[in-house]
Amino acid sequence: MSLGQVQRWVLSTLTVFTILHMSGGLVLAALVLDKTDVVGRVGLVIIAGLFGVVAIAAGLAIHKHRILSPWLLLGFIPTAIGLYFVLR
């Protein structure tokens, strides 16, 4: 690999994981909210999913791939996990 390719992979990895950590933090914040505030908890989980999609889109953009792709669906994993625990 050339130096440019390695730099691109490092940048995309750091970007995606940093944004996904924020997404996970939003899911955790939704779990510690008052259990009677279901709307607020679900709202935080949905925002977490949107940040997940942004993370995947950022990784695709760094690698100069098409941004609208099926890979964006991976960004909704935090939403699925969060909704499972919030609505249980």
PDB file of N, CA and C in Angstrom:
ATOM      1  N   MET A   1       0.830  -1.186   0.000  1.00  0.00           N
ATOM      2  CA  MET A   1       0.000   0.000   0.000  1.00  0.00           C
ATOM      3  C   MET A   1       0.873   1.246   0.000  1.00  0.00           C
ATOM      4  N   SER A   2       0.385   2.248  -0.661  1.00  0.00           N
ATOM      5  CA  SER A   2       1.119   3.514  -0.664  1.00  0.00           C
ATOM      6  C   SER A   2       0.810   4.285   0.623  1.00  0.00           C
ATOM      7  N   LEU A   3       1.593   5.298   0.880  1.00  0.00           N
ATOM      8  CA  LEU A   3       1.406   6.111   2.078  1.00  0.00           C
ATOM      9  C   LEU A   3       0.034   6.786   2.065  1.00  0.00           C
ATOM     10  N   GLY A   4      -0.418   7.219   0.909  1.00  0.00           N
ATOM     11  CA  GLY A   4      -1.729   7.862   0.789  1.00  0.00           C
ATOM     12  C   GLY A   4      -2.865   6.916   1.150  1.00  0.00           C
ATOM     13  N   GLN A   5      -2.745   5.660   0.723  1.00  0.00           N
ATOM     14  CA  GLN A   5      -3.782   4.676   1.052  1.00  0.00           C
ATOM     15  C   GLN A   5      -3.819   4.395   2.553  1.00  0.00           C
ATOM     16  N   VAL A   6      -2.652   4.279   3.160  1.00  0.00           N
ATOM     17  CA  VAL A   6      -2.598   4.025   4.593  1.00  0.00           C
ATOM     18  C   VAL A   6      -3.180   5.203   5.358  1.00  0.00           C
ATOM     19  N   GLN A   7      -2.842   6.408   4.940  1.00  0.00           N
ATOM     20  CA  GLN A   7      -3.391   7.586   5.599  1.00  0.00           C
ATOM     21  C   GLN A   7      -4.911   7.642   5.462  1.00  0.00           C
ATOM     22  N   ARG A   8      -5.422   7.274   4.299  1.00  0.00           N
ATOM     23  CA  ARG A   8      -6.865   7.275   4.075  1.00  0.00           C
ATOM     24  C   ARG A   8      -7.553   6.266   4.992  1.00  0.00           C
ATOM     25  N   TRP A   9      -6.958   5.073   5.145  1.00  0.00           N
ATOM     26  CA  TRP A   9      -7.544   4.051   6.017  1.00  0.00           C
ATOM     27  C   TRP A   9      -7.500   4.484   7.477  1.00  0.00           C
ATOM     28  N   VAL A  10      -6.406   5.076   7.902  1.00  0.00           N
ATOM     29  CA  VAL A  10      -6.312   5.545   9.288  1.00  0.00           C
ATOM     30  C   VAL A  10      -7.336   6.643   9.538  1.00  0.00           C
ATOM     31  N   LEU A  11      -7.440   7.594   8.626  1.00  0.00           N
ATOM     32  CA  LEU A  11      -8.399   8.684   8.780  1.00  0.00           C
ATOM     33  C   LEU A  11      -9.832   8.167   8.823  1.00  0.00           C
ATOM     34  N   SER A  12     -10.177   7.266   7.931  1.00  0.00           N
ATOM     35  CA  SER A  12     -11.548   6.766   7.904  1.00  0.00           C
ATOM     36  C   SER A  12     -11.862   5.935   9.144  1.00  0.00           C
ATOM     37  N   THR A  13     -10.902   5.150   9.611  1.00  0.00           N
ATOM     38  CA  THR A  13     -11.125   4.357  10.819  1.00  0.00           C
ATOM     39  C   THR A  13     -11.348   5.253  12.027  1.00  0.00           C
ATOM     40  N   LEU A  14     -10.500   6.261  12.178  1.00  0.00           N
ATOM     41  CA  LEU A  14     -10.664   7.188  13.302  1.00  0.00           C
ATOM     42  C   LEU A  14     -11.985   7.947  13.217  1.00  0.00           C
ATOM     43  N   THR A  15     -12.338   8.383  12.031  1.00  0.00           N
ATOM     44  CA  THR A  15     -13.582   9.137  11.856  1.00  0.00           C
ATOM     45  C   THR A  15     -14.799   8.286  12.185  1.00  0.00           C
ATOM     46  N   VAL A  16     -14.857   7.093  11.596  1.00  0.00           N
ATOM     47  CA  VAL A  16     -16.023   6.238  11.794  1.00  0.00           C
ATOM     48  C   VAL A  16     -16.147   5.821  13.258  1.00  0.00           C
ATOM     49  N   PHE A  17     -15.067   5.402  13.875  1.00  0.00           N
ATOM     50  CA  PHE A  17     -15.165   4.950  15.262  1.00  0.00           C
ATOM     51  C   PHE A  17     -15.440   6.097  16.229  1.00  0.00           C
ATOM     52  N   THR A  18     -14.946   7.281  15.953  1.00  0.00           N
ATOM     53  CA  THR A  18     -15.242   8.416  16.819  1.00  0.00           C
ATOM     54  C   THR A  18     -16.723   8.767  16.776  1.00  0.00           C
ATOM     55  N   ILE A  19     -17.280   8.811  15.576  1.00  0.00           N
ATOM     56  CA  ILE A  19     -18.704   9.134  15.454  1.00  0.00           C
ATOM     57  C   ILE A  19     -19.563   8.007  16.020  1.00  0.00           C
ATOM     58  N   LEU A  20     -19.148   6.751  15.827  1.00  0.00           N
ATOM     59  CA  LEU A  20     -19.915   5.637  16.383  1.00  0.00           C
ATOM     60  C   LEU A  20     -19.861   5.620  17.908  1.00  0.00           C
ATOM     61  N   HIS A  21     -18.750   6.081  18.492  1.00  0.00           N
ATOM     62  CA  HIS A  21     -18.698   6.183  19.948  1.00  0.00           C
ATOM     63  C   HIS A  21     -19.711   7.212  20.448  1.00  0.00           C
ATOM     64  N   MET A  22     -19.858   8.315  19.733  1.00  0.00           N
ATOM     65  CA  MET A  22     -20.860   9.301  20.112  1.00  0.00           C
ATOM     66  C   MET A  22     -22.262   8.705  19.979  1.00  0.00           C
ATOM     67  N   SER A  23     -22.466   7.925  18.937  1.00  0.00           N
ATOM     68  CA  SER A  23     -23.751   7.273  18.740  1.00  0.00           C
ATOM     69  C   SER A  23     -24.047   6.304  19.890  1.00  0.00           C
ATOM     70  N   GLY A  24     -23.047   5.550  20.284  1.00  0.00           N
ATOM     71  CA  GLY A  24     -23.222   4.640  21.413  1.00  0.00           C
ATOM     72  C   GLY A  24     -23.489   5.389  22.710  1.00  0.00           C
ATOM     73  N   GLY A  25     -22.858   6.535  22.877  1.00  0.00           N
ATOM     74  CA  GLY A  25     -23.113   7.358  24.053  1.00  0.00           C
ATOM     75  C   GLY A  25     -24.541   7.860  24.107  1.00  0.00           C
ATOM     76  N   LEU A  26     -25.094   8.184  22.960  1.00  0.00           N
ATOM     77  CA  LEU A  26     -26.496   8.610  22.922  1.00  0.00           C
ATOM     78  C   LEU A  26     -27.428   7.464  23.300  1.00  0.00           C
ATOM     79  N   VAL A  27     -27.089   6.251  22.875  1.00  0.00           N
ATOM     80  CA  VAL A  27     -27.899   5.087  23.254  1.00  0.00           C
ATOM     81  C   VAL A  27     -27.807   4.876  24.764  1.00  0.00           C
ATOM     82  N   LEU A  28     -26.606   4.991  25.319  1.00  0.00           N
ATOM     83  CA  LEU A  28     -26.459   4.849  26.770  1.00  0.00           C
ATOM     84  C   LEU A  28     -27.208   5.945  27.520  1.00  0.00           C
ATOM     85  N   ALA A  29     -27.185   7.157  26.976  1.00  0.00           N
ATOM     86  CA  ALA A  29     -27.935   8.253  27.597  1.00  0.00           C
ATOM     87  C   ALA A  29     -29.431   7.953  27.584  1.00  0.00           C
ATOM     88  N   ALA A  30     -29.895   7.351  26.518  1.00  0.00           N
ATOM     89  CA  ALA A  30     -31.312   6.988  26.447  1.00  0.00           C
ATOM     90  C   ALA A  30     -31.660   5.924  27.488  1.00  0.00           C
ATOM     91  N   LEU A  31     -30.717   5.050  27.777  1.00  0.00           N
ATOM     92  CA  LEU A  31     -30.986   3.989  28.748  1.00  0.00           C
ATOM     93  C   LEU A  31     -31.017   4.503  30.180  1.00  0.00           C
ATOM     94  N   VAL A  32     -30.311   5.586  30.472  1.00  0.00           N
ATOM     95  CA  VAL A  32     -30.294   6.088  31.847  1.00  0.00           C
ATOM     96  C   VAL A  32     -31.335   7.178  32.092  1.00  0.00           C
ATOM     97  N   LEU A  33     -32.050   7.589  31.056  1.00  0.00           N
ATOM     98  CA  LEU A  33     -33.139   8.545  31.251  1.00  0.00           C
ATOM     99  C   LEU A  33     -34.253   7.902  32.059  1.00  0.00           C
ATOM    100  N   ASP A  34     -35.111   8.747  32.589  1.00  0.00           N
ATOM    101  CA  ASP A  34     -36.260   8.269  33.344  1.00  0.00           C
ATOM    102  C   ASP A  34     -37.092   7.328  32.485  1.00  0.00           C
ATOM    103  N   LYS A  35     -37.467   6.178  33.041  1.00  0.00           N
ATOM    104  CA  LYS A  35     -38.189   5.164  32.268  1.00  0.00           C
ATOM    105  C   LYS A  35     -39.570   5.620  31.824  1.00  0.00           C
ATOM    106  N   THR A  36     -40.106   6.665  32.454  1.00  0.00           N
ATOM    107  CA  THR A  36     -41.422   7.141  32.041  1.00  0.00           C
ATOM    108  C   THR A  36     -41.345   8.063  30.824  1.00  0.00           C
ATOM    109  N   ASP A  37     -40.165   8.556  30.496  1.00  0.00           N
ATOM    110  CA  ASP A  37     -39.987   9.453  29.345  1.00  0.00           C
ATOM    111  C   ASP A  37     -39.635   8.639  28.102  1.00  0.00           C
ATOM    112  N   VAL A  38     -40.604   7.888  27.619  1.00  0.00           N
ATOM    113  CA  VAL A  38     -40.368   6.994  26.479  1.00  0.00           C
ATOM    114  C   VAL A  38     -40.084   7.786  25.209  1.00  0.00           C
ATOM    115  N   VAL A  39     -40.768   8.900  25.023  1.00  0.00           N
ATOM    116  CA  VAL A  39     -40.572   9.698  23.819  1.00  0.00           C
ATOM    117  C   VAL A  39     -39.147  10.250  23.760  1.00  0.00           C
ATOM    118  N   GLY A  40     -38.653  10.740  24.868  1.00  0.00           N
ATOM    119  CA  GLY A  40     -37.282  11.251  24.918  1.00  0.00           C
ATOM    120  C   GLY A  40     -36.254  10.159  24.681  1.00  0.00           C
ATOM    121  N   ARG A  41     -36.515   8.989  25.250  1.00  0.00           N
ATOM    122  CA  ARG A  41     -35.582   7.870  25.080  1.00  0.00           C
ATOM    123  C   ARG A  41     -35.543   7.408  23.620  1.00  0.00           C
ATOM    124  N   VAL A  42     -36.714   7.282  23.011  1.00  0.00           N
ATOM    125  CA  VAL A  42     -36.769   6.860  21.604  1.00  0.00           C
ATOM    126  C   VAL A  42     -36.154   7.928  20.714  1.00  0.00           C
ATOM    127  N   GLY A  43     -36.372   9.201  21.041  1.00  0.00           N
ATOM    128  CA  GLY A  43     -35.769  10.282  20.270  1.00  0.00           C
ATOM    129  C   GLY A  43     -34.251  10.219  20.285  1.00  0.00           C
ATOM    130  N   LEU A  44     -33.669   9.968  21.454  1.00  0.00           N
ATOM    131  CA  LEU A  44     -32.213   9.845  21.536  1.00  0.00           C
ATOM    132  C   LEU A  44     -31.699   8.662  20.730  1.00  0.00           C
ATOM    133  N   VAL A  45     -32.440   7.573  20.749  1.00  0.00           N
ATOM    134  CA  VAL A  45     -32.026   6.388  19.995  1.00  0.00           C
ATOM    135  C   VAL A  45     -32.085   6.662  18.490  1.00  0.00           C
ATOM    136  N   ILE A  46     -33.092   7.391  18.058  1.00  0.00           N
ATOM    137  CA  ILE A  46     -33.189   7.735  16.633  1.00  0.00           C
ATOM    138  C   ILE A  46     -32.052   8.666  16.224  1.00  0.00           C
ATOM    139  N   ILE A  47     -31.733   9.636  17.077  1.00  0.00           N
ATOM    140  CA  ILE A  47     -30.601  10.521  16.790  1.00  0.00           C
ATOM    141  C   ILE A  47     -29.301   9.724  16.724  1.00  0.00           C
ATOM    142  N   ALA A  48     -29.170   8.722  17.597  1.00  0.00           N
ATOM    143  CA  ALA A  48     -27.985   7.862  17.573  1.00  0.00           C
ATOM    144  C   ALA A  48     -27.876   7.132  16.238  1.00  0.00           C
ATOM    145  N   GLY A  49     -29.004   6.682  15.714  1.00  0.00           N
ATOM    146  CA  GLY A  49     -28.989   6.019  14.413  1.00  0.00           C
ATOM    147  C   GLY A  49     -28.608   6.959  13.286  1.00  0.00           C
ATOM    148  N   LEU A  50     -29.066   8.192  13.372  1.00  0.00           N
ATOM    149  CA  LEU A  50     -28.694   9.168  12.346  1.00  0.00           C
ATOM    150  C   LEU A  50     -27.198   9.449  12.377  1.00  0.00           C
ATOM    151  N   PHE A  51     -26.631   9.537  13.585  1.00  0.00           N
ATOM    152  CA  PHE A  51     -25.183   9.711  13.684  1.00  0.00           C
ATOM    153  C   PHE A  51     -24.453   8.470  13.161  1.00  0.00           C
ATOM    154  N   GLY A  52     -25.038   7.295  13.350  1.00  0.00           N
ATOM    155  CA  GLY A  52     -24.443   6.085  12.792  1.00  0.00           C
ATOM    156  C   GLY A  52     -24.390   6.136  11.273  1.00  0.00           C
ATOM    157  N   VAL A  53     -25.457   6.616  10.665  1.00  0.00           N
ATOM    158  CA  VAL A  53     -25.486   6.756   9.204  1.00  0.00           C
ATOM    159  C   VAL A  53     -24.449   7.779   8.750  1.00  0.00           C
ATOM    160  N   VAL A  54     -24.322   8.874   9.497  1.00  0.00           N
ATOM    161  CA  VAL A  54     -23.315   9.885   9.163  1.00  0.00           C
ATOM    162  C   VAL A  54     -21.910   9.283   9.251  1.00  0.00           C
ATOM    163  N   ALA A  55     -21.684   8.425  10.225  1.00  0.00           N
ATOM    164  CA  ALA A  55     -20.367   7.789  10.373  1.00  0.00           C
ATOM    165  C   ALA A  55     -20.033   6.931   9.156  1.00  0.00           C
ATOM    166  N   ILE A  56     -20.977   6.127   8.724  1.00  0.00           N
ATOM    167  CA  ILE A  56     -20.738   5.276   7.559  1.00  0.00           C
ATOM    168  C   ILE A  56     -20.557   6.126   6.307  1.00  0.00           C
ATOM    169  N   ALA A  57     -21.370   7.164   6.163  1.00  0.00           N
ATOM    170  CA  ALA A  57     -21.253   8.045   5.000  1.00  0.00           C
ATOM    171  C   ALA A  57     -19.899   8.745   4.988  1.00  0.00           C
ATOM    172  N   ALA A  58     -19.400   9.137   6.151  1.00  0.00           N
ATOM    173  CA  ALA A  58     -18.089   9.782   6.225  1.00  0.00           C
ATOM    174  C   ALA A  58     -16.984   8.818   5.792  1.00  0.00           C
ATOM    175  N   GLY A  59     -17.087   7.580   6.235  1.00  0.00           N
ATOM    176  CA  GLY A  59     -16.099   6.579   5.814  1.00  0.00           C
ATOM    177  C   GLY A  59     -16.127   6.350   4.317  1.00  0.00           C
ATOM    178  N   LEU A  60     -17.323   6.281   3.754  1.00  0.00           N
ATOM    179  CA  LEU A  60     -17.437   6.105   2.306  1.00  0.00           C
ATOM    180  C   LEU A  60     -16.892   7.315   1.556  1.00  0.00           C
ATOM    181  N   ALA A  61     -17.164   8.507   2.069  1.00  0.00           N
ATOM    182  CA  ALA A  61     -16.693   9.726   1.405  1.00  0.00           C
ATOM    183  C   ALA A  61     -15.170   9.822   1.445  1.00  0.00           C
ATOM    184  N   ILE A  62     -14.577   9.434   2.552  1.00  0.00           N
ATOM    185  CA  ILE A  62     -13.114   9.483   2.653  1.00  0.00           C
ATOM    186  C   ILE A  62     -12.473   8.556   1.624  1.00  0.00           C
ATOM    187  N   HIS A  63     -13.100   7.407   1.391  1.00  0.00           N
ATOM    188  CA  HIS A  63     -12.565   6.468   0.407  1.00  0.00           C
ATOM    189  C   HIS A  63     -13.048   6.747  -1.010  1.00  0.00           C
ATOM    190  N   LYS A  64     -13.785   7.853  -1.172  1.00  0.00           N
ATOM    191  CA  LYS A  64     -14.281   8.301  -2.475  1.00  0.00           C
ATOM    192  C   LYS A  64     -15.188   7.268  -3.147  1.00  0.00           C
ATOM    193  N   HIS A  65     -16.036   6.630  -2.319  1.00  0.00           N
ATOM    194  CA  HIS A  65     -17.041   5.715  -2.837  1.00  0.00           C
ATOM    195  C   HIS A  65     -18.370   6.452  -2.932  1.00  0.00           C
ATOM    196  N   ARG A  66     -19.307   5.829  -3.613  1.00  0.00           N
ATOM    197  CA  ARG A  66     -20.644   6.395  -3.683  1.00  0.00           C
ATOM    198  C   ARG A  66     -21.230   6.448  -2.277  1.00  0.00           C
ATOM    199  N   ILE A  67     -21.764   7.596  -1.888  1.00  0.00           N
ATOM    200  CA  ILE A  67     -22.275   7.719  -0.518  1.00  0.00           C
ATOM    201  C   ILE A  67     -23.607   6.998  -0.358  1.00  0.00           C
ATOM    202  N   LEU A  68     -24.473   7.099  -1.339  1.00  0.00           N
ATOM    203  CA  LEU A  68     -25.744   6.382  -1.269  1.00  0.00           C
ATOM    204  C   LEU A  68     -25.521   4.931  -1.669  1.00  0.00           C
ATOM    205  N   SER A  69     -25.406   4.078  -0.679  1.00  0.00           N
ATOM    206  CA  SER A  69     -25.182   2.662  -0.934  1.00  0.00           C
ATOM    207  C   SER A  69     -25.838   1.854   0.175  1.00  0.00           C
ATOM    208  N   PRO A  70     -25.963   0.550  -0.029  1.00  0.00           N
ATOM    209  CA  PRO A  70     -26.558  -0.300   1.012  1.00  0.00           C
ATOM    210  C   PRO A  70     -25.755  -0.308   2.315  1.00  0.00           C
ATOM    211  N   TRP A  71     -24.496   0.095   2.280  1.00  0.00           N
ATOM    212  CA  TRP A  71     -23.677   0.132   3.480  1.00  0.00           C
ATOM    213  C   TRP A  71     -24.230   1.100   4.520  1.00  0.00           C
ATOM    214  N   LEU A  72     -24.999   2.088   4.086  1.00  0.00           N
ATOM    215  CA  LEU A  72     -25.571   3.059   5.019  1.00  0.00           C
ATOM    216  C   LEU A  72     -26.516   2.405   6.020  1.00  0.00           C
ATOM    217  N   LEU A  73     -27.084   1.266   5.652  1.00  0.00           N
ATOM    218  CA  LEU A  73     -27.988   0.571   6.567  1.00  0.00           C
ATOM    219  C   LEU A  73     -27.275   0.117   7.833  1.00  0.00           C
ATOM    220  N   LEU A  74     -25.960  -0.075   7.763  1.00  0.00           N
ATOM    221  CA  LEU A  74     -25.200  -0.442   8.960  1.00  0.00           C
ATOM    222  C   LEU A  74     -25.259   0.659  10.019  1.00  0.00           C
ATOM    223  N   GLY A  75     -25.485   1.866   9.589  1.00  0.00           N
ATOM    224  CA  GLY A  75     -25.567   2.980  10.525  1.00  0.00           C
ATOM    225  C   GLY A  75     -26.765   2.905  11.453  1.00  0.00           C
ATOM    226  N   PHE A  76     -27.766   2.114  11.108  1.00  0.00           N
ATOM    227  CA  PHE A  76     -28.955   1.990  11.947  1.00  0.00           C
ATOM    228  C   PHE A  76     -28.826   0.894  13.005  1.00  0.00           C
ATOM    229  N   ILE A  77     -27.682   0.258  13.087  1.00  0.00           N
ATOM    230  CA  ILE A  77     -27.478  -0.777  14.114  1.00  0.00           C
ATOM    231  C   ILE A  77     -27.615  -0.197  15.519  1.00  0.00           C
ATOM    232  N   PRO A  78     -27.043   0.985  15.816  1.00  0.00           N
ATOM    233  CA  PRO A  78     -27.267   1.544  17.161  1.00  0.00           C
ATOM    234  C   PRO A  78     -28.751   1.782  17.460  1.00  0.00           C
ATOM    235  N   THR A  79     -29.529   2.167  16.453  1.00  0.00           N
ATOM    236  CA  THR A  79     -30.958   2.372  16.651  1.00  0.00           C
ATOM    237  C   THR A  79     -31.650   1.059  16.985  1.00  0.00           C
ATOM    238  N   ALA A  80     -31.314   0.010  16.259  1.00  0.00           N
ATOM    239  CA  ALA A  80     -31.937  -1.290  16.501  1.00  0.00           C
ATOM    240  C   ALA A  80     -31.610  -1.802  17.904  1.00  0.00           C
ATOM    241  N   ILE A  81     -30.353  -1.699  18.282  1.00  0.00           N
ATOM    242  CA  ILE A  81     -29.954  -2.162  19.613  1.00  0.00           C
ATOM    243  C   ILE A  81     -30.600  -1.297  20.688  1.00  0.00           C
ATOM    244  N   GLY A  82     -30.573   0.015  20.481  1.00  0.00           N
ATOM    245  CA  GLY A  82     -31.159   0.925  21.460  1.00  0.00           C
ATOM    246  C   GLY A  82     -32.655   0.727  21.626  1.00  0.00           C
ATOM    247  N   LEU A  83     -33.376   0.563  20.520  1.00  0.00           N
ATOM    248  CA  LEU A  83     -34.823   0.349  20.616  1.00  0.00           C
ATOM    249  C   LEU A  83     -35.147  -0.958  21.319  1.00  0.00           C
ATOM    250  N   TYR A  84     -34.304  -1.967  21.119  1.00  0.00           N
ATOM    251  CA  TYR A  84     -34.525  -3.235  21.802  1.00  0.00           C
ATOM    252  C   TYR A  84     -34.507  -3.037  23.317  1.00  0.00           C
ATOM    253  N   PHE A  85     -33.505  -2.317  23.808  1.00  0.00           N
ATOM    254  CA  PHE A  85     -33.371  -2.134  25.251  1.00  0.00           C
ATOM    255  C   PHE A  85     -34.318  -1.076  25.803  1.00  0.00           C
ATOM    256  N   VAL A  86     -34.631  -0.055  25.022  1.00  0.00           N
ATOM    257  CA  VAL A  86     -35.518   1.010  25.506  1.00  0.00           C
ATOM    258  C   VAL A  86     -36.958   0.545  25.582  1.00  0.00           C
ATOM    259  N   LEU A  87     -37.404  -0.209  24.606  1.00  0.00           N
ATOM    260  CA  LEU A  87     -38.806  -0.616  24.546  1.00  0.00           C
ATOM    261  C   LEU A  87     -39.088  -1.951  25.224  1.00  0.00           C
ATOM    262  N   ARG A  88     -38.125  -2.506  25.862  1.00  0.00           N
ATOM    263  CA  ARG A  88     -38.293  -3.790  26.541  1.00  0.00           C
ATOM    264  C   ARG A  88     -39.048  -3.652  27.807  1.00  0.00           C
TER     265      ARG A  88
END
